[in-house]
Amino acid sequence: DQKIVVTQPAAGEFKAFSAKCTHAGCIVDQVTAGQI
């Protein structure tokens, strides 16, 4: 809903990104195996 994806690459280290793909503007849908 907010078009934001938050990740935690290491314990206590948070990163936030736009969830809007830079290719066609779709909203990313999952975070698995170290990748959005």
Full PDB file with SEQRES, HELIX, SHEET, SSBOND, CRYST1, ORIGX, SCALE, CONECT and MASTER records, all heavy atoms in Angstrom:
SEQRES   1 A   36  ASP GLN LYS ILE VAL VAL THR GLN PRO ALA ALA GLY GLU          
SEQRES   2 A   36  PHE LYS ALA PHE SER ALA LYS CYS THR HIS ALA GLY CYS          
SEQRES   3 A   36  ILE VAL ASP GLN VAL THR ALA GLY GLN ILE                      
SHEET    1 AA1 2 ILE A   4  ALA A  10  0                                        
SHEET    2 AA1 2 GLU A  13  SER A  18 -1                                        
CRYST1    1.000    1.000    1.000  90.00  90.00  90.00 P 1           1          
ORIGX1      1.000000  0.000000  0.000000        0.00000                         
ORIGX2      0.000000  1.000000  0.000000        0.00000                         
ORIGX3      0.000000  0.000000  1.000000        0.00000                         
SCALE1      1.000000  0.000000  0.000000        0.00000                         
SCALE2      0.000000  1.000000  0.000000        0.00000                         
SCALE3      0.000000  0.000000  1.000000        0.00000                         
ATOM      1  N   ASP A   1       0.820  -1.216   0.000  1.00  0.00           N  
ATOM      2  CA  ASP A   1       0.000   0.000   0.000  1.00  0.00           C  
ATOM      3  C   ASP A   1       0.855   1.268   0.000  1.00  0.00           C  
ATOM      4  O   ASP A   1       0.490   2.262  -0.603  1.00  0.00           O  
ATOM      5  CB  ASP A   1      -0.950   0.024   1.195  1.00  0.00           C  
ATOM      6  CG  ASP A   1      -2.058  -1.003   1.080  1.00  0.00           C  
ATOM      7  OD1 ASP A   1      -2.285  -1.523  -0.033  1.00  0.00           O  
ATOM      8  OD2 ASP A   1      -2.697  -1.301   2.107  1.00  0.00           O  
ATOM      9  N   GLN A   2       1.986   1.214   0.684  1.00  0.00           N  
ATOM     10  CA  GLN A   2       2.873   2.380   0.767  1.00  0.00           C  
ATOM     11  C   GLN A   2       3.920   2.391  -0.340  1.00  0.00           C  
ATOM     12  O   GLN A   2       4.683   3.338  -0.458  1.00  0.00           O  
ATOM     13  CB  GLN A   2       3.572   2.417   2.131  1.00  0.00           C  
ATOM     14  CG  GLN A   2       2.627   2.614   3.284  1.00  0.00           C  
ATOM     15  CD  GLN A   2       1.983   1.313   3.766  1.00  0.00           C  
ATOM     16  OE1 GLN A   2       2.186   0.226   3.231  1.00  0.00           O  
ATOM     17  NE2 GLN A   2       1.161   1.427   4.797  1.00  0.00           N  
ATOM     18  N   LYS A   3       3.981   1.302  -1.118  1.00  0.00           N  
ATOM     19  CA  LYS A   3       4.958   1.149  -2.203  1.00  0.00           C  
ATOM     20  C   LYS A   3       6.391   1.263  -1.685  1.00  0.00           C  
ATOM     21  O   LYS A   3       7.250   1.923  -2.264  1.00  0.00           O  
ATOM     22  CB  LYS A   3       4.684   2.151  -3.325  1.00  0.00           C  
ATOM     23  CG  LYS A   3       3.353   1.922  -4.016  1.00  0.00           C  
ATOM     24  CD  LYS A   3       3.111   2.950  -5.094  1.00  0.00           C  
ATOM     25  CE  LYS A   3       1.824   2.721  -5.848  1.00  0.00           C  
ATOM     26  NZ  LYS A   3       0.614   2.838  -5.101  1.00  0.00           N  
ATOM     27  N   ILE A   4       6.625   0.567  -0.569  1.00  0.00           N  
ATOM     28  CA  ILE A   4       7.937   0.561   0.079  1.00  0.00           C  
ATOM     29  C   ILE A   4       8.303  -0.880   0.398  1.00  0.00           C  
ATOM     30  O   ILE A   4       7.451  -1.672   0.794  1.00  0.00           O  
ATOM     31  CB  ILE A   4       7.914   1.389   1.383  1.00  0.00           C  
ATOM     32  CG1 ILE A   4       7.615   2.865   1.078  1.00  0.00           C  
ATOM     33  CG2 ILE A   4       9.223   1.253   2.156  1.00  0.00           C  
ATOM     34  CD1 ILE A   4       7.369   3.717   2.306  1.00  0.00           C  
ATOM     35  N   VAL A   5       9.584  -1.209   0.235  1.00  0.00           N  
ATOM     36  CA  VAL A   5      10.092  -2.510   0.665  1.00  0.00           C  
ATOM     37  C   VAL A   5      11.206  -2.229   1.677  1.00  0.00           C  
ATOM     38  O   VAL A   5      12.054  -1.370   1.457  1.00  0.00           O  
ATOM     39  CB  VAL A   5      10.583  -3.384  -0.521  1.00  0.00           C  
ATOM     40  CG1 VAL A   5      11.660  -2.710  -1.328  1.00  0.00           C  
ATOM     41  CG2 VAL A   5      11.035  -4.746  -0.049  1.00  0.00           C  
ATOM     42  N   VAL A   6      11.149  -2.927   2.803  1.00  0.00           N  
ATOM     43  CA  VAL A   6      12.170  -2.790   3.842  1.00  0.00           C  
ATOM     44  C   VAL A   6      12.900  -4.118   3.955  1.00  0.00           C  
ATOM     45  O   VAL A   6      12.275  -5.180   4.009  1.00  0.00           O  
ATOM     46  CB  VAL A   6      11.557  -2.394   5.207  1.00  0.00           C  
ATOM     47  CG1 VAL A   6      12.635  -2.309   6.284  1.00  0.00           C  
ATOM     48  CG2 VAL A   6      10.806  -1.066   5.099  1.00  0.00           C  
ATOM     49  N   THR A   7      14.229  -4.052   3.996  1.00  0.00           N  
ATOM     50  CA  THR A   7      15.031  -5.258   4.129  1.00  0.00           C  
ATOM     51  C   THR A   7      15.899  -5.159   5.378  1.00  0.00           C  
ATOM     52  O   THR A   7      16.073  -4.079   5.947  1.00  0.00           O  
ATOM     53  CB  THR A   7      15.934  -5.460   2.892  1.00  0.00           C  
ATOM     54  OG1 THR A   7      16.868  -4.378   2.804  1.00  0.00           O  
ATOM     55  CG2 THR A   7      15.106  -5.543   1.618  1.00  0.00           C  
ATOM     56  N   GLN A   8      16.423  -6.324   5.790  1.00  0.00           N  
ATOM     57  CA  GLN A   8      17.337  -6.382   6.925  1.00  0.00           C  
ATOM     58  C   GLN A   8      18.501  -7.301   6.515  1.00  0.00           C  
ATOM     59  O   GLN A   8      18.503  -8.487   6.841  1.00  0.00           O  
ATOM     60  CB  GLN A   8      16.626  -6.895   8.185  1.00  0.00           C  
ATOM     61  CG  GLN A   8      17.455  -6.749   9.420  1.00  0.00           C  
ATOM     62  CD  GLN A   8      16.732  -7.128  10.707  1.00  0.00           C  
ATOM     63  OE1 GLN A   8      17.315  -6.986  11.749  1.00  0.00           O  
ATOM     64  NE2 GLN A   8      15.501  -7.612  10.692  1.00  0.00           N  
ATOM     65  N   PRO A   9      19.488  -6.737   5.768  1.00  0.00           N  
ATOM     66  CA  PRO A   9      20.600  -7.555   5.278  1.00  0.00           C  
ATOM     67  C   PRO A   9      21.396  -8.227   6.402  1.00  0.00           C  
ATOM     68  O   PRO A   9      21.871  -9.345   6.237  1.00  0.00           O  
ATOM     69  CB  PRO A   9      21.476  -6.569   4.519  1.00  0.00           C  
ATOM     70  CG  PRO A   9      20.634  -5.369   4.278  1.00  0.00           C  
ATOM     71  CD  PRO A   9      19.582  -5.358   5.340  1.00  0.00           C  
ATOM     72  N   ALA A  10      21.544  -7.549   7.521  1.00  0.00           N  
ATOM     73  CA  ALA A  10      22.224  -8.097   8.702  1.00  0.00           C  
ATOM     74  C   ALA A  10      21.403  -7.695   9.924  1.00  0.00           C  
ATOM     75  O   ALA A  10      20.633  -6.727   9.876  1.00  0.00           O  
ATOM     76  CB  ALA A  10      23.640  -7.541   8.806  1.00  0.00           C  
ATOM     77  N   ALA A  11      21.560  -8.420  10.994  1.00  0.00           N  
ATOM     78  CA  ALA A  11      20.781  -8.146  12.208  1.00  0.00           C  
ATOM     79  C   ALA A  11      20.912  -6.679  12.627  1.00  0.00           C  
ATOM     80  O   ALA A  11      22.017  -6.166  12.786  1.00  0.00           O  
ATOM     81  CB  ALA A  11      21.233  -9.060  13.336  1.00  0.00           C  
ATOM     82  N   GLY A  12      19.781  -6.007  12.746  1.00  0.00           N  
ATOM     83  CA  GLY A  12      19.751  -4.624  13.190  1.00  0.00           C  
ATOM     84  C   GLY A  12      20.053  -3.591  12.112  1.00  0.00           C  
ATOM     85  O   GLY A  12      20.009  -2.395  12.366  1.00  0.00           O  
ATOM     86  N   GLU A  13      20.343  -4.031  10.893  1.00  0.00           N  
ATOM     87  CA  GLU A  13      20.633  -3.117   9.771  1.00  0.00           C  
ATOM     88  C   GLU A  13      19.442  -3.118   8.821  1.00  0.00           C  
ATOM     89  O   GLU A  13      19.201  -4.098   8.118  1.00  0.00           O  
ATOM     90  CB  GLU A  13      21.893  -3.575   9.035  1.00  0.00           C  
ATOM     91  CG  GLU A  13      22.220  -2.732   7.824  1.00  0.00           C  
ATOM     92  CD  GLU A  13      23.335  -3.327   6.973  1.00  0.00           C  
ATOM     93  OE1 GLU A  13      23.939  -4.341   7.357  1.00  0.00           O  
ATOM     94  OE2 GLU A  13      23.568  -2.766   5.897  1.00  0.00           O  
ATOM     95  N   PHE A  14      18.689  -2.024   8.815  1.00  0.00           N  
ATOM     96  CA  PHE A  14      17.503  -1.932   7.979  1.00  0.00           C  
ATOM     97  C   PHE A  14      17.762  -1.022   6.789  1.00  0.00           C  
ATOM     98  O   PHE A  14      18.416   0.012   6.910  1.00  0.00           O  
ATOM     99  CB  PHE A  14      16.306  -1.409   8.783  1.00  0.00           C  
ATOM    100  CG  PHE A  14      15.860  -2.360   9.849  1.00  0.00           C  
ATOM    101  CD1 PHE A  14      16.350  -2.256  11.143  1.00  0.00           C  
ATOM    102  CD2 PHE A  14      14.967  -3.373   9.563  1.00  0.00           C  
ATOM    103  CE1 PHE A  14      15.955  -3.147  12.132  1.00  0.00           C  
ATOM    104  CE2 PHE A  14      14.571  -4.272  10.542  1.00  0.00           C  
ATOM    105  CZ  PHE A  14      15.061  -4.159  11.826  1.00  0.00           C  
ATOM    106  N   LYS A  15      17.223  -1.433   5.655  1.00  0.00           N  
ATOM    107  CA  LYS A  15      17.293  -0.650   4.425  1.00  0.00           C  
ATOM    108  C   LYS A  15      15.874  -0.519   3.892  1.00  0.00           C  
ATOM    109  O   LYS A  15      15.067  -1.439   4.030  1.00  0.00           O  
ATOM    110  CB  LYS A  15      18.163  -1.346   3.366  1.00  0.00           C  
ATOM    111  CG  LYS A  15      19.595  -1.583   3.780  1.00  0.00           C  
ATOM    112  CD  LYS A  15      20.374  -0.295   3.742  1.00  0.00           C  
ATOM    113  CE  LYS A  15      21.840  -0.536   4.017  1.00  0.00           C  
ATOM    114  NZ  LYS A  15      22.646   0.627   3.707  1.00  0.00           N  
ATOM    115  N   ALA A  16      15.572   0.621   3.276  1.00  0.00           N  
ATOM    116  CA  ALA A  16      14.250   0.830   2.686  1.00  0.00           C  
ATOM    117  C   ALA A  16      14.415   1.343   1.262  1.00  0.00           C  
ATOM    118  O   ALA A  16      15.306   2.146   0.978  1.00  0.00           O  
ATOM    119  CB  ALA A  16      13.450   1.825   3.514  1.00  0.00           C  
ATOM    120  N   PHE A  17      13.555   0.849   0.392  1.00  0.00           N  
ATOM    121  CA  PHE A  17      13.598   1.204  -1.019  1.00  0.00           C  
ATOM    122  C   PHE A  17      12.189   1.408  -1.542  1.00  0.00           C  
ATOM    123  O   PHE A  17      11.221   0.896  -0.978  1.00  0.00           O  
ATOM    124  CB  PHE A  17      14.248   0.074  -1.841  1.00  0.00           C  
ATOM    125  CG  PHE A  17      15.588  -0.353  -1.332  1.00  0.00           C  
ATOM    126  CD1 PHE A  17      15.709  -1.458  -0.496  1.00  0.00           C  
ATOM    127  CD2 PHE A  17      16.737   0.339  -1.675  1.00  0.00           C  
ATOM    128  CE1 PHE A  17      16.939  -1.864  -0.013  1.00  0.00           C  
ATOM    129  CE2 PHE A  17      17.984  -0.059  -1.200  1.00  0.00           C  
ATOM    130  CZ  PHE A  17      18.085  -1.157  -0.367  1.00  0.00           C  
ATOM    131  N   SER A  18      12.101   2.097  -2.668  1.00  0.00           N  
ATOM    132  CA  SER A  18      10.831   2.161  -3.380  1.00  0.00           C  
ATOM    133  C   SER A  18      10.512   0.741  -3.835  1.00  0.00           C  
ATOM    134  O   SER A  18      11.390   0.017  -4.290  1.00  0.00           O  
ATOM    135  CB  SER A  18      10.961   3.070  -4.603  1.00  0.00           C  
ATOM    136  OG  SER A  18       9.827   2.927  -5.433  1.00  0.00           O  
ATOM    137  N   ALA A  19       9.265   0.351  -3.731  1.00  0.00           N  
ATOM    138  CA  ALA A  19       8.852  -0.976  -4.179  1.00  0.00           C  
ATOM    139  C   ALA A  19       8.439  -0.960  -5.647  1.00  0.00           C  
ATOM    140  O   ALA A  19       7.998  -1.966  -6.178  1.00  0.00           O  
ATOM    141  CB  ALA A  19       7.702  -1.492  -3.314  1.00  0.00           C  
ATOM    142  N   LYS A  20       8.625   0.167  -6.305  1.00  0.00           N  
ATOM    143  CA  LYS A  20       8.256   0.313  -7.709  1.00  0.00           C  
ATOM    144  C   LYS A  20       9.451  -0.053  -8.579  1.00  0.00           C  
ATOM    145  O   LYS A  20      10.489   0.609  -8.548  1.00  0.00           O  
ATOM    146  CB  LYS A  20       7.821   1.757  -7.973  1.00  0.00           C  
ATOM    147  CG  LYS A  20       7.214   1.987  -9.307  1.00  0.00           C  
ATOM    148  CD  LYS A  20       6.701   3.426  -9.384  1.00  0.00           C  
ATOM    149  CE  LYS A  20       6.183   3.724 -10.763  1.00  0.00           C  
ATOM    150  NZ  LYS A  20       5.740   5.119 -10.865  1.00  0.00           N  
ATOM    151  N   CYS A  21       9.325  -1.122  -9.355  1.00  0.00           N  
ATOM    152  CA  CYS A  21      10.404  -1.603 -10.213  1.00  0.00           C  
ATOM    153  C   CYS A  21      10.801  -0.522 -11.215  1.00  0.00           C  
ATOM    154  O   CYS A  21       9.941   0.154 -11.790  1.00  0.00           O  
ATOM    155  CB  CYS A  21       9.976  -2.873 -10.951  1.00  0.00           C  
ATOM    156  SG  CYS A  21      11.258  -3.549 -12.020  1.00  0.00           S  
ATOM    157  N   THR A  22      12.095  -0.373 -11.423  1.00  0.00           N  
ATOM    158  CA  THR A  22      12.593   0.658 -12.332  1.00  0.00           C  
ATOM    159  C   THR A  22      12.458   0.259 -13.802  1.00  0.00           C  
ATOM    160  O   THR A  22      12.778   1.049 -14.682  1.00  0.00           O  
ATOM    161  CB  THR A  22      14.057   0.990 -12.016  1.00  0.00           C  
ATOM    162  OG1 THR A  22      14.846  -0.201 -12.106  1.00  0.00           O  
ATOM    163  CG2 THR A  22      14.187   1.596 -10.624  1.00  0.00           C  
ATOM    164  N   HIS A  23      11.965  -0.931 -14.075  1.00  0.00           N  
ATOM    165  CA  HIS A  23      11.765  -1.345 -15.462  1.00  0.00           C  
ATOM    166  C   HIS A  23      10.420  -0.868 -15.995  1.00  0.00           C  
ATOM    167  O   HIS A  23      10.370  -0.050 -16.894  1.00  0.00           O  
ATOM    168  CB  HIS A  23      11.891  -2.867 -15.608  1.00  0.00           C  
ATOM    169  CG  HIS A  23      11.518  -3.367 -16.963  1.00  0.00           C  
ATOM    170  ND1 HIS A  23      10.458  -4.210 -17.159  1.00  0.00           N  
ATOM    171  CD2 HIS A  23      12.035  -3.119 -18.186  1.00  0.00           C  
ATOM    172  CE1 HIS A  23      10.353  -4.472 -18.459  1.00  0.00           C  
ATOM    173  NE2 HIS A  23      11.291  -3.818 -19.101  1.00  0.00           N  
ATOM    174  N   ALA A  24       9.343  -1.378 -15.432  1.00  0.00           N  
ATOM    175  CA  ALA A  24       8.009  -1.053 -15.957  1.00  0.00           C  
ATOM    176  C   ALA A  24       7.072  -0.494 -14.894  1.00  0.00           C  
ATOM    177  O   ALA A  24       5.893  -0.313 -15.141  1.00  0.00           O  
ATOM    178  CB  ALA A  24       7.385  -2.286 -16.603  1.00  0.00           C  
ATOM    179  N   GLY A  25       7.593  -0.248 -13.694  1.00  0.00           N  
ATOM    180  CA  GLY A  25       6.776   0.356 -12.651  1.00  0.00           C  
ATOM    181  C   GLY A  25       5.915  -0.596 -11.854  1.00  0.00           C  
ATOM    182  O   GLY A  25       5.098  -0.161 -11.047  1.00  0.00           O  
ATOM    183  N   CYS A  26       6.072  -1.890 -12.050  1.00  0.00           N  
ATOM    184  CA  CYS A  26       5.317  -2.863 -11.258  1.00  0.00           C  
ATOM    185  C   CYS A  26       5.789  -2.800  -9.803  1.00  0.00           C  
ATOM    186  O   CYS A  26       6.918  -2.408  -9.525  1.00  0.00           O  
ATOM    187  CB  CYS A  26       5.548  -4.275 -11.789  1.00  0.00           C  
ATOM    188  SG  CYS A  26       4.942  -4.530 -13.461  1.00  0.00           S  
ATOM    189  N   ILE A  27       4.947  -3.227  -8.888  1.00  0.00           N  
ATOM    190  CA  ILE A  27       5.320  -3.279  -7.479  1.00  0.00           C  
ATOM    191  C   ILE A  27       5.963  -4.637  -7.212  1.00  0.00           C  
ATOM    192  O   ILE A  27       5.391  -5.684  -7.545  1.00  0.00           O  
ATOM    193  CB  ILE A  27       4.091  -3.078  -6.565  1.00  0.00           C  
ATOM    194  CG1 ILE A  27       3.429  -1.722  -6.850  1.00  0.00           C  
ATOM    195  CG2 ILE A  27       4.486  -3.194  -5.092  1.00  0.00           C  
ATOM    196  CD1 ILE A  27       4.322  -0.518  -6.657  1.00  0.00           C  
ATOM    197  N   VAL A  28       7.158  -4.609  -6.617  1.00  0.00           N  
ATOM    198  CA  VAL A  28       7.838  -5.861  -6.280  1.00  0.00           C  
ATOM    199  C   VAL A  28       6.942  -6.641  -5.335  1.00  0.00           C  
ATOM    200  O   VAL A  28       6.142  -6.060  -4.607  1.00  0.00           O  
ATOM    201  CB  VAL A  28       9.235  -5.611  -5.674  1.00  0.00           C  
ATOM    202  CG1 VAL A  28      10.129  -4.876  -6.666  1.00  0.00           C  
ATOM    203  CG2 VAL A  28       9.157  -4.857  -4.363  1.00  0.00           C  
ATOM    204  N   ASP A  29       7.094  -7.972  -5.339  1.00  0.00           N  
ATOM    205  CA  ASP A  29       6.136  -8.753  -4.558  1.00  0.00           C  
ATOM    206  C   ASP A  29       6.735  -9.640  -3.486  1.00  0.00           C  
ATOM    207  O   ASP A  29       6.010 -10.124  -2.626  1.00  0.00           O  
ATOM    208  CB  ASP A  29       5.238  -9.582  -5.476  1.00  0.00           C  
ATOM    209  CG  ASP A  29       5.988 -10.696  -6.195  1.00  0.00           C  
ATOM    210  OD1 ASP A  29       7.231 -10.634  -6.299  1.00  0.00           O  
ATOM    211  OD2 ASP A  29       5.330 -11.635  -6.675  1.00  0.00           O  
ATOM    212  N   GLN A  30       8.054  -9.867  -3.521  1.00  0.00           N  
ATOM    213  CA  GLN A  30       8.627 -10.734  -2.488  1.00  0.00           C  
ATOM    214  C   GLN A  30      10.113 -10.477  -2.311  1.00  0.00           C  
ATOM    215  O   GLN A  30      10.769  -9.917  -3.182  1.00  0.00           O  
ATOM    216  CB  GLN A  30       8.363 -12.197  -2.805  1.00  0.00           C  
ATOM    217  CG  GLN A  30       8.927 -12.671  -4.128  1.00  0.00           C  
ATOM    218  CD  GLN A  30       8.568 -14.120  -4.390  1.00  0.00           C  
ATOM    219  OE1 GLN A  30       8.509 -14.936  -3.463  1.00  0.00           O  
ATOM    220  NE2 GLN A  30       8.343 -14.473  -5.645  1.00  0.00           N  
ATOM    221  N   VAL A  31      10.593 -10.910  -1.161  1.00  0.00           N  
ATOM    222  CA  VAL A  31      12.017 -10.836  -0.843  1.00  0.00           C  
ATOM    223  C   VAL A  31      12.434 -12.238  -0.409  1.00  0.00           C  
ATOM    224  O   VAL A  31      11.988 -12.729   0.629  1.00  0.00           O  
ATOM    225  CB  VAL A  31      12.294  -9.820   0.288  1.00  0.00           C  
ATOM    226  CG1 VAL A  31      13.786  -9.718   0.549  1.00  0.00           C  
ATOM    227  CG2 VAL A  31      11.707  -8.453  -0.054  1.00  0.00           C  
ATOM    228  N   THR A  32      13.237 -12.881  -1.258  1.00  0.00           N  
ATOM    229  CA  THR A  32      13.703 -14.244  -0.969  1.00  0.00           C  
ATOM    230  C   THR A  32      15.136 -14.391  -1.443  1.00  0.00           C  
ATOM    231  O   THR A  32      15.562 -13.739  -2.400  1.00  0.00           O  
ATOM    232  CB  THR A  32      12.831 -15.297  -1.683  1.00  0.00           C  
ATOM    233  OG1 THR A  32      12.805 -15.023  -3.076  1.00  0.00           O  
ATOM    234  CG2 THR A  32      11.414 -15.323  -1.143  1.00  0.00           C  
ATOM    235  N   ALA A  33      15.873 -15.259  -0.774  1.00  0.00           N  
ATOM    236  CA  ALA A  33      17.249 -15.591  -1.149  1.00  0.00           C  
ATOM    237  C   ALA A  33      18.114 -14.345  -1.335  1.00  0.00           C  
ATOM    238  O   ALA A  33      18.920 -14.275  -2.257  1.00  0.00           O  
ATOM    239  CB  ALA A  33      17.260 -16.459  -2.409  1.00  0.00           C  
ATOM    240  N   GLY A  34      17.924 -13.351  -0.469  1.00  0.00           N  
ATOM    241  CA  GLY A  34      18.745 -12.140  -0.525  1.00  0.00           C  
ATOM    242  C   GLY A  34      18.423 -11.205  -1.672  1.00  0.00           C  
ATOM    243  O   GLY A  34      19.208 -10.303  -1.970  1.00  0.00           O  
ATOM    244  N   GLN A  35      17.271 -11.396  -2.309  1.00  0.00           N  
ATOM    245  CA  GLN A  35      16.898 -10.554  -3.441  1.00  0.00           C  
ATOM    246  C   GLN A  35      15.439 -10.111  -3.361  1.00  0.00           C  
ATOM    247  O   GLN A  35      14.571 -10.841  -2.883  1.00  0.00           O  
ATOM    248  CB  GLN A  35      17.130 -11.289  -4.761  1.00  0.00           C  
ATOM    249  CG  GLN A  35      18.591 -11.594  -5.025  1.00  0.00           C  
ATOM    250  CD  GLN A  35      18.817 -12.240  -6.384  1.00  0.00           C  
ATOM    251  OE1 GLN A  35      17.921 -12.846  -6.962  1.00  0.00           O  
ATOM    252  NE2 GLN A  35      20.023 -12.098  -6.894  1.00  0.00           N  
ATOM    253  N   ILE A  36      15.209  -8.903  -3.876  1.00  0.00           N  
ATOM    254  CA  ILE A  36      13.860  -8.357  -4.008  1.00  0.00           C  
ATOM    255  C   ILE A  36      13.424  -8.688  -5.429  1.00  0.00           C  
ATOM    256  O   ILE A  36      14.154  -8.403  -6.385  1.00  0.00           O  
ATOM    257  CB  ILE A  36      13.876  -6.828  -3.797  1.00  0.00           C  
ATOM    258  CG1 ILE A  36      14.455  -6.476  -2.418  1.00  0.00           C  
ATOM    259  CG2 ILE A  36      12.488  -6.243  -3.981  1.00  0.00           C  
ATOM    260  CD1 ILE A  36      14.869  -5.023  -2.272  1.00  0.00           C  
TER     261      ILE A  36                                                      
MASTER        0    0    0    0    2    0    0    6  260    1    0    3          
END                                                                             
